[in-house]
Amino acid sequence: MKLDFTTKNLVPFLFCLFAFGKVGAQAPVVINELMASNTSTITDEAGEFNDWIELYNTSGSAVSLNGWFLTDNPANLTKWDFPTNTSIPAYDYLIIWADEDSSQGPLHANFKLSALGEQLMLINASGAIVQDITFGAQQTDKGYARSPNGTGSFVIKNPTFKANNDTGISAVGDVEQEGAMHIFPNPVSGGEVVLRNKNSEKQAVAIFDQLGRKRFSAEFFNETNLDVSDWPAGLYFVKQLGTIQLLTIQR
């Protein structure tokens, strides 16, 4: 069959291309994991068990998400836009809560995920579709994650919230592991929090906010006091020894 690429026949094609973006565009940021039925795995900064989406930056450089979008509706590619100045550091993760409640923080999308299955798309600043994921029915408190991490096909497995999908390490389960750090008080409503190692070895600690910005980093042996009096309320990610712990600041 001979294809007729006349100008007349190209018009509908070009309209779709510019209206809906180019599918399959290359980008270092991928949808790496999601949970569409979260009843006991992990809470957001409001203490609620909500759906969540994990993005992963597969590159060695930070990636700005200014002008990017997430959507669960192919007819509305600009459904939820990332907050200004959102970025993902090299080889790092970003969590978006899919709970239709923007009042709880900047990284709360205006849609939820269906546990029965649906479509999820990531759109870059040029309007190109860089990720187009269709998933089926999900299991409660199980992650739908890429394996190998960042590149593989999606499988249903134990969640690895804001962590490598291949390690078998869940950020939630690792909070009390030997070698992890004790954070108190947590949640904190005052001006100071104490970070205490559970062993005597010197450890490096870094704390990131929900936009992926580093708020604190240090190396210490036993414990250190951290002034958070000027930090906004919200959820923060404390990284140490390959684990991620959650610090909640309430005002």
C-alpha atoms as a PDB file:
ATOM      1  CA  MET A   1       0.000   0.000   0.000  1.00  0.00           C
ATOM      2  CA  LYS A   2       1.346   3.382  -0.948  1.00  0.00           C
ATOM      3  CA  LEU A   3       1.266   6.016   1.778  1.00  0.00           C
ATOM      4  CA  ASP A   4       0.100   9.476   0.749  1.00  0.00           C
ATOM      5  CA  PHE A   5       2.113  12.112   2.658  1.00  0.00           C
ATOM      6  CA  THR A   6       0.436  15.118   1.048  1.00  0.00           C
ATOM      7  CA  THR A   7       0.220  18.405   2.883  1.00  0.00           C
ATOM      8  CA  LYS A   8      -3.487  17.839   3.368  1.00  0.00           C
ATOM      9  CA  ASN A   9      -2.971  14.479   5.043  1.00  0.00           C
ATOM     10  CA  LEU A  10      -0.146  15.777   7.241  1.00  0.00           C
ATOM     11  CA  VAL A  11      -2.286  18.470   8.846  1.00  0.00           C
ATOM     12  CA  PRO A  12      -4.048  16.161  11.349  1.00  0.00           C
ATOM     13  CA  PHE A  13      -0.725  14.502  12.204  1.00  0.00           C
ATOM     14  CA  LEU A  14       1.024  17.825  12.840  1.00  0.00           C
ATOM     15  CA  PHE A  15      -1.898  19.037  14.910  1.00  0.00           C
ATOM     16  CA  CYS A  16      -1.645  15.995  17.183  1.00  0.00           C
ATOM     17  CA  LEU A  17       2.127  16.349  17.427  1.00  0.00           C
ATOM     18  CA  PHE A  18       2.046  19.966  18.563  1.00  0.00           C
ATOM     19  CA  ALA A  19      -1.106  19.633  20.665  1.00  0.00           C
ATOM     20  CA  PHE A  20      -0.110  16.552  22.610  1.00  0.00           C
ATOM     21  CA  GLY A  21       3.688  16.389  22.435  1.00  0.00           C
ATOM     22  CA  LYS A  22       6.074  13.831  21.016  1.00  0.00           C
ATOM     23  CA  VAL A  23       5.875  10.450  22.677  1.00  0.00           C
ATOM     24  CA  GLY A  24       9.060   8.717  23.735  1.00  0.00           C
ATOM     25  CA  ALA A  25      11.317  11.776  24.004  1.00  0.00           C
ATOM     26  CA  GLN A  26      14.582  11.024  25.774  1.00  0.00           C
ATOM     27  CA  ALA A  27      15.009  12.465  29.269  1.00  0.00           C
ATOM     28  CA  PRO A  28      17.114  11.534  32.283  1.00  0.00           C
ATOM     29  CA  VAL A  29      14.132  11.716  34.653  1.00  0.00           C
ATOM     30  CA  VAL A  30      11.881   8.650  34.824  1.00  0.00           C
ATOM     31  CA  ILE A  31       8.786   7.580  36.710  1.00  0.00           C
ATOM     32  CA  ASN A  32      10.509   5.008  38.890  1.00  0.00           C
ATOM     33  CA  GLU A  33       7.867   3.785  41.317  1.00  0.00           C
ATOM     34  CA  LEU A  34       4.302   4.478  42.379  1.00  0.00           C
ATOM     35  CA  MET A  35       1.840   3.322  44.987  1.00  0.00           C
ATOM     36  CA  ALA A  36      -1.869   3.534  44.193  1.00  0.00           C
ATOM     37  CA  SER A  37      -3.154   1.878  47.387  1.00  0.00           C
ATOM     38  CA  ASN A  38      -1.314   3.162  50.444  1.00  0.00           C
ATOM     39  CA  THR A  39      -3.020   2.219  53.698  1.00  0.00           C
ATOM     40  CA  SER A  40      -0.118   1.640  56.093  1.00  0.00           C
ATOM     41  CA  THR A  41       3.198   2.103  54.233  1.00  0.00           C
ATOM     42  CA  ILE A  42       4.106   5.746  54.780  1.00  0.00           C
ATOM     43  CA  THR A  43       2.393   9.028  55.583  1.00  0.00           C
ATOM     44  CA  ASP A  44       2.816  12.466  54.073  1.00  0.00           C
ATOM     45  CA  GLU A  45       3.624  15.538  56.163  1.00  0.00           C
ATOM     46  CA  ALA A  46      -0.033  15.745  57.245  1.00  0.00           C
ATOM     47  CA  GLY A  47       0.109  12.224  58.630  1.00  0.00           C
ATOM     48  CA  GLU A  48      -2.115  10.787  55.883  1.00  0.00           C
ATOM     49  CA  PHE A  49      -1.605   7.585  53.894  1.00  0.00           C
ATOM     50  CA  ASN A  50      -1.914   8.858  50.334  1.00  0.00           C
ATOM     51  CA  ASP A  51      -0.967   7.685  46.850  1.00  0.00           C
ATOM     52  CA  TRP A  52       2.548   8.635  45.800  1.00  0.00           C
ATOM     53  CA  ILE A  53       4.740   8.814  42.704  1.00  0.00           C
ATOM     54  CA  GLU A  54       8.528   8.561  42.743  1.00  0.00           C
ATOM     55  CA  LEU A  55      10.687  10.187  40.067  1.00  0.00           C
ATOM     56  CA  TYR A  56      14.351   9.292  39.629  1.00  0.00           C
ATOM     57  CA  ASN A  57      17.127  11.282  37.957  1.00  0.00           C
ATOM     58  CA  THR A  58      19.261   8.726  36.120  1.00  0.00           C
ATOM     59  CA  SER A  59      21.932  11.278  35.183  1.00  0.00           C
ATOM     60  CA  GLY A  60      25.006  12.676  36.894  1.00  0.00           C
ATOM     61  CA  SER A  61      23.675  16.253  36.833  1.00  0.00           C
ATOM     62  CA  ALA A  62      20.764  17.976  38.534  1.00  0.00           C
ATOM     63  CA  VAL A  63      17.656  18.318  36.370  1.00  0.00           C
ATOM     64  CA  SER A  64      15.272  21.271  36.644  1.00  0.00           C
ATOM     65  CA  LEU A  65      11.574  20.437  36.416  1.00  0.00           C
ATOM     66  CA  ASN A  66      10.481  24.007  35.699  1.00  0.00           C
ATOM     67  CA  GLY A  67       7.705  23.856  33.123  1.00  0.00           C
ATOM     68  CA  TRP A  68       7.200  20.085  33.521  1.00  0.00           C
ATOM     69  CA  PHE A  69       3.848  18.389  34.150  1.00  0.00           C
ATOM     70  CA  LEU A  70       2.337  15.184  35.497  1.00  0.00           C
ATOM     71  CA  THR A  71      -1.049  13.926  34.385  1.00  0.00           C
ATOM     72  CA  ASP A  72      -3.324  10.913  34.571  1.00  0.00           C
ATOM     73  CA  ASN A  73      -5.407  12.224  31.665  1.00  0.00           C
ATOM     74  CA  PRO A  74      -4.015  11.978  28.094  1.00  0.00           C
ATOM     75  CA  ALA A  75      -6.491  14.672  27.036  1.00  0.00           C
ATOM     76  CA  ASN A  76      -5.011  17.121  29.566  1.00  0.00           C
ATOM     77  CA  LEU A  77      -1.217  16.960  29.448  1.00  0.00           C
ATOM     78  CA  THR A  78      -0.799  20.063  31.638  1.00  0.00           C
ATOM     79  CA  LYS A  79      -3.020  18.843  34.461  1.00  0.00           C
ATOM     80  CA  TRP A  80      -0.480  19.363  37.259  1.00  0.00           C
ATOM     81  CA  ASP A  81       2.625  21.514  36.934  1.00  0.00           C
ATOM     82  CA  PHE A  82       5.685  21.205  39.126  1.00  0.00           C
ATOM     83  CA  PRO A  83       6.332  24.091  41.536  1.00  0.00           C
ATOM     84  CA  THR A  84       8.826  26.704  40.375  1.00  0.00           C
ATOM     85  CA  ASN A  85      12.468  25.845  41.131  1.00  0.00           C
ATOM     86  CA  THR A  86      11.769  22.139  41.617  1.00  0.00           C
ATOM     87  CA  SER A  87      14.796  20.047  40.676  1.00  0.00           C
ATOM     88  CA  ILE A  88      16.163  16.568  41.242  1.00  0.00           C
ATOM     89  CA  PRO A  89      19.852  16.212  42.171  1.00  0.00           C
ATOM     90  CA  ALA A  90      22.030  13.731  40.307  1.00  0.00           C
ATOM     91  CA  TYR A  91      21.046  10.094  40.914  1.00  0.00           C
ATOM     92  CA  ASP A  92      18.372  11.187  43.359  1.00  0.00           C
ATOM     93  CA  TYR A  93      14.636  10.825  43.891  1.00  0.00           C
ATOM     94  CA  LEU A  94      11.598  13.081  44.184  1.00  0.00           C
ATOM     95  CA  ILE A  95       8.234  12.138  45.711  1.00  0.00           C
ATOM     96  CA  ILE A  96       4.910  13.596  44.560  1.00  0.00           C
ATOM     97  CA  TRP A  97       1.825  12.868  46.659  1.00  0.00           C
ATOM     98  CA  ALA A  98      -1.199  12.136  44.467  1.00  0.00           C
ATOM     99  CA  ASP A  99      -3.960  13.176  46.849  1.00  0.00           C
ATOM    100  CA  GLU A 100      -5.813  16.136  45.299  1.00  0.00           C
ATOM    101  CA  ASP A 101      -4.814  18.313  48.272  1.00  0.00           C
ATOM    102  CA  SER A 102      -2.459  21.133  47.303  1.00  0.00           C
ATOM    103  CA  SER A 103      -3.066  22.812  50.674  1.00  0.00           C
ATOM    104  CA  GLN A 104      -0.749  20.244  52.287  1.00  0.00           C
ATOM    105  CA  GLY A 105       2.369  21.228  50.364  1.00  0.00           C
ATOM    106  CA  PRO A 106       3.853  22.109  46.976  1.00  0.00           C
ATOM    107  CA  LEU A 107       4.394  18.501  45.892  1.00  0.00           C
ATOM    108  CA  HIS A 108       0.772  17.396  46.216  1.00  0.00           C
ATOM    109  CA  ALA A 109      -0.768  16.754  42.800  1.00  0.00           C
ATOM    110  CA  ASN A 110      -4.345  17.587  41.840  1.00  0.00           C
ATOM    111  CA  PHE A 111      -5.209  13.984  41.044  1.00  0.00           C
ATOM    112  CA  LYS A 112      -5.195  10.578  42.713  1.00  0.00           C
ATOM    113  CA  LEU A 113      -4.068   7.209  41.385  1.00  0.00           C
ATOM    114  CA  SER A 114      -6.610   4.480  40.770  1.00  0.00           C
ATOM    115  CA  ALA A 115      -5.861   1.154  42.452  1.00  0.00           C
ATOM    116  CA  LEU A 116      -7.775  -0.471  39.598  1.00  0.00           C
ATOM    117  CA  GLY A 117      -5.175   0.811  37.116  1.00  0.00           C
ATOM    118  CA  GLU A 118      -4.819   3.808  34.836  1.00  0.00           C
ATOM    119  CA  GLN A 119      -2.346   5.886  32.828  1.00  0.00           C
ATOM    120  CA  LEU A 120       0.351   8.201  34.173  1.00  0.00           C
ATOM    121  CA  MET A 121       2.383  10.577  32.011  1.00  0.00           C
ATOM    122  CA  LEU A 122       5.356  12.899  32.568  1.00  0.00           C
ATOM    123  CA  ILE A 123       5.667  15.908  30.259  1.00  0.00           C
ATOM    124  CA  ASN A 124       8.798  18.049  29.865  1.00  0.00           C
ATOM    125  CA  ALA A 125       9.052  21.813  29.380  1.00  0.00           C
ATOM    126  CA  SER A 126       8.927  21.411  25.585  1.00  0.00           C
ATOM    127  CA  GLY A 127       5.582  19.650  25.785  1.00  0.00           C
ATOM    128  CA  ALA A 128       7.083  16.268  24.924  1.00  0.00           C
ATOM    129  CA  ILE A 129       5.845  13.112  26.657  1.00  0.00           C
ATOM    130  CA  VAL A 130       8.967  11.683  28.288  1.00  0.00           C
ATOM    131  CA  GLN A 131       7.179   8.937  30.257  1.00  0.00           C
ATOM    132  CA  ASP A 132       3.895   7.202  29.457  1.00  0.00           C
ATOM    133  CA  ILE A 133       3.053   4.456  31.963  1.00  0.00           C
ATOM    134  CA  THR A 134      -0.093   2.331  31.900  1.00  0.00           C
ATOM    135  CA  PHE A 135      -0.552   0.109  34.941  1.00  0.00           C
ATOM    136  CA  GLY A 136      -3.144  -2.456  35.910  1.00  0.00           C
ATOM    137  CA  ALA A 137      -4.774  -3.328  39.235  1.00  0.00           C
ATOM    138  CA  GLN A 138      -2.472  -2.712  42.202  1.00  0.00           C
ATOM    139  CA  GLN A 139      -1.977  -4.526  45.492  1.00  0.00           C
ATOM    140  CA  THR A 140      -2.477  -2.657  48.749  1.00  0.00           C
ATOM    141  CA  ASP A 141       0.767  -1.322  50.235  1.00  0.00           C
ATOM    142  CA  LYS A 142       2.861  -2.702  47.388  1.00  0.00           C
ATOM    143  CA  GLY A 143       5.016  -0.595  45.106  1.00  0.00           C
ATOM    144  CA  TYR A 144       4.850  -0.676  41.304  1.00  0.00           C
ATOM    145  CA  ALA A 145       8.519  -0.177  40.577  1.00  0.00           C
ATOM    146  CA  ARG A 146      11.158  -0.423  37.868  1.00  0.00           C
ATOM    147  CA  SER A 147      13.597  -3.286  38.176  1.00  0.00           C
ATOM    148  CA  PRO A 148      16.466  -2.769  37.528  1.00  0.00           C
ATOM    149  CA  ASN A 149      16.172   0.610  39.199  1.00  0.00           C
ATOM    150  CA  GLY A 150      15.592   3.494  36.792  1.00  0.00           C
ATOM    151  CA  THR A 151      15.670   1.420  33.605  1.00  0.00           C
ATOM    152  CA  GLY A 152      13.766  -1.842  33.936  1.00  0.00           C
ATOM    153  CA  SER A 153      10.204  -2.941  33.483  1.00  0.00           C
ATOM    154  CA  PHE A 154       7.636  -2.344  36.198  1.00  0.00           C
ATOM    155  CA  VAL A 155       6.900  -5.079  38.728  1.00  0.00           C
ATOM    156  CA  ILE A 156       4.769  -5.224  41.866  1.00  0.00           C
ATOM    157  CA  LYS A 157       7.079  -5.509  44.904  1.00  0.00           C
ATOM    158  CA  ASN A 158       7.720  -4.291  48.411  1.00  0.00           C
ATOM    159  CA  PRO A 159       7.950  -0.493  48.322  1.00  0.00           C
ATOM    160  CA  THR A 160      11.304   1.302  48.307  1.00  0.00           C
ATOM    161  CA  PHE A 161      10.109   4.835  49.003  1.00  0.00           C
ATOM    162  CA  LYS A 162      12.704   7.361  47.723  1.00  0.00           C
ATOM    163  CA  ALA A 163      15.331   4.615  47.457  1.00  0.00           C
ATOM    164  CA  ASN A 164      16.904   2.183  44.982  1.00  0.00           C
ATOM    165  CA  ASN A 165      14.364  -0.412  43.845  1.00  0.00           C
ATOM    166  CA  ASP A 166      16.999  -3.151  43.668  1.00  0.00           C
ATOM    167  CA  THR A 167      18.374  -2.921  47.194  1.00  0.00           C
ATOM    168  CA  GLY A 168      15.380  -4.476  48.868  1.00  0.00           C
ATOM    169  CA  ILE A 169      15.618  -1.623  51.346  1.00  0.00           C
ATOM    170  CA  SER A 170      12.423   0.179  52.231  1.00  0.00           C
ATOM    171  CA  ALA A 171      12.913   3.664  53.630  1.00  0.00           C
ATOM    172  CA  VAL A 172      10.083   2.996  56.047  1.00  0.00           C
ATOM    173  CA  GLY A 173      11.417  -0.302  57.372  1.00  0.00           C
ATOM    174  CA  ASP A 174      14.976   0.927  57.748  1.00  0.00           C
ATOM    175  CA  VAL A 175      14.281   3.668  60.232  1.00  0.00           C
ATOM    176  CA  GLU A 176      15.113   1.437  63.206  1.00  0.00           C
ATOM    177  CA  GLN A 177      17.870  -0.673  61.645  1.00  0.00           C
ATOM    178  CA  GLU A 178      21.216  -0.957  63.414  1.00  0.00           C
ATOM    179  CA  GLY A 179      23.425   1.901  62.320  1.00  0.00           C
ATOM    180  CA  ALA A 180      20.511   4.192  61.502  1.00  0.00           C
ATOM    181  CA  MET A 181      20.192   7.487  63.279  1.00  0.00           C
ATOM    182  CA  HIS A 182      17.778   8.463  66.020  1.00  0.00           C
ATOM    183  CA  ILE A 183      15.957  11.754  65.356  1.00  0.00           C
ATOM    184  CA  PHE A 184      14.135  13.481  68.217  1.00  0.00           C
ATOM    185  CA  PRO A 185      11.766  15.059  68.741  1.00  0.00           C
ATOM    186  CA  ASN A 186      10.045  13.870  65.557  1.00  0.00           C
ATOM    187  CA  PRO A 187       7.699  15.436  64.628  1.00  0.00           C
ATOM    188  CA  VAL A 188       9.258  18.658  65.850  1.00  0.00           C
ATOM    189  CA  SER A 189       7.330  21.861  66.452  1.00  0.00           C
ATOM    190  CA  GLY A 190      10.031  23.815  68.251  1.00  0.00           C
ATOM    191  CA  GLY A 191      13.315  25.202  67.050  1.00  0.00           C
ATOM    192  CA  GLU A 192      15.757  22.341  67.551  1.00  0.00           C
ATOM    193  CA  VAL A 193      16.083  18.674  66.646  1.00  0.00           C
ATOM    194  CA  VAL A 194      18.759  16.225  67.802  1.00  0.00           C
ATOM    195  CA  LEU A 195      20.447  13.805  65.389  1.00  0.00           C
ATOM    196  CA  ARG A 196      22.078  10.918  67.244  1.00  0.00           C
ATOM    197  CA  ASN A 197      24.077   8.025  65.784  1.00  0.00           C
ATOM    198  CA  LYS A 198      23.365   4.530  67.041  1.00  0.00           C
ATOM    199  CA  ASN A 199      27.049   3.597  66.801  1.00  0.00           C
ATOM    200  CA  SER A 200      30.358   5.299  67.504  1.00  0.00           C
ATOM    201  CA  GLU A 201      31.575   5.632  63.928  1.00  0.00           C
ATOM    202  CA  LYS A 202      31.643   8.967  62.180  1.00  0.00           C
ATOM    203  CA  GLN A 203      28.712   9.279  59.793  1.00  0.00           C
ATOM    204  CA  ALA A 204      27.735  11.676  57.025  1.00  0.00           C
ATOM    205  CA  VAL A 205      24.171  12.984  57.098  1.00  0.00           C
ATOM    206  CA  ALA A 206      22.277  15.085  54.565  1.00  0.00           C
ATOM    207  CA  ILE A 207      18.744  16.483  54.794  1.00  0.00           C
ATOM    208  CA  PHE A 208      16.646  17.424  51.761  1.00  0.00           C
ATOM    209  CA  ASP A 209      13.281  19.154  51.482  1.00  0.00           C
ATOM    210  CA  GLN A 210      10.439  17.965  49.256  1.00  0.00           C
ATOM    211  CA  LEU A 211      11.772  19.933  46.287  1.00  0.00           C
ATOM    212  CA  GLY A 212      15.076  18.068  46.453  1.00  0.00           C
ATOM    213  CA  ARG A 213      17.017  21.008  47.876  1.00  0.00           C
ATOM    214  CA  LYS A 214      19.705  20.207  50.429  1.00  0.00           C
ATOM    215  CA  ARG A 215      18.971  21.978  53.712  1.00  0.00           C
ATOM    216  CA  PHE A 216      21.743  20.482  55.860  1.00  0.00           C
ATOM    217  CA  SER A 217      24.798  18.251  55.648  1.00  0.00           C
ATOM    218  CA  ALA A 218      27.424  17.292  58.199  1.00  0.00           C
ATOM    219  CA  GLU A 219      29.679  14.543  59.517  1.00  0.00           C
ATOM    220  CA  PHE A 220      29.730  13.749  63.225  1.00  0.00           C
ATOM    221  CA  PHE A 221      30.458  10.920  65.664  1.00  0.00           C
ATOM    222  CA  ASN A 222      27.788  10.867  68.366  1.00  0.00           C
ATOM    223  CA  GLU A 223      25.142  13.536  68.011  1.00  0.00           C
ATOM    224  CA  THR A 224      24.522  17.036  66.801  1.00  0.00           C
ATOM    225  CA  ASN A 225      21.840  19.635  67.490  1.00  0.00           C
ATOM    226  CA  LEU A 226      20.176  21.160  64.439  1.00  0.00           C
ATOM    227  CA  ASP A 227      18.353  24.494  64.517  1.00  0.00           C
ATOM    228  CA  VAL A 228      15.225  24.213  62.333  1.00  0.00           C
ATOM    229  CA  SER A 229      13.438  27.268  63.708  1.00  0.00           C
ATOM    230  CA  ASP A 230      13.415  28.962  60.292  1.00  0.00           C
ATOM    231  CA  TRP A 231      12.561  25.824  58.263  1.00  0.00           C
ATOM    232  CA  PRO A 232       9.050  25.733  56.794  1.00  0.00           C
ATOM    233  CA  ALA A 233       6.615  23.114  58.043  1.00  0.00           C
ATOM    234  CA  GLY A 234       6.632  19.951  55.984  1.00  0.00           C
ATOM    235  CA  LEU A 235       8.299  16.622  55.333  1.00  0.00           C
ATOM    236  CA  TYR A 236      12.105  16.338  55.080  1.00  0.00           C
ATOM    237  CA  PHE A 237      14.275  13.395  54.013  1.00  0.00           C
ATOM    238  CA  VAL A 238      17.267  12.507  56.204  1.00  0.00           C
ATOM    239  CA  LYS A 239      19.855  10.379  54.391  1.00  0.00           C
ATOM    240  CA  GLN A 240      22.460   8.328  56.229  1.00  0.00           C
ATOM    241  CA  LEU A 241      24.124   4.946  55.638  1.00  0.00           C
ATOM    242  CA  GLY A 242      22.053   4.288  52.535  1.00  0.00           C
ATOM    243  CA  THR A 243      18.774   4.725  54.417  1.00  0.00           C
ATOM    244  CA  ILE A 244      16.225   7.503  54.318  1.00  0.00           C
ATOM    245  CA  GLN A 245      14.374   8.633  57.422  1.00  0.00           C
ATOM    246  CA  LEU A 246      11.554  11.133  57.567  1.00  0.00           C
ATOM    247  CA  LEU A 247      11.644  14.303  59.634  1.00  0.00           C
ATOM    248  CA  THR A 248       8.332  16.112  60.042  1.00  0.00           C
ATOM    249  CA  ILE A 249       8.290  19.786  61.026  1.00  0.00           C
ATOM    250  CA  GLN A 250       5.004  21.134  62.349  1.00  0.00           C
ATOM    251  CA  ARG A 251       4.181  24.770  63.036  1.00  0.00           C
END
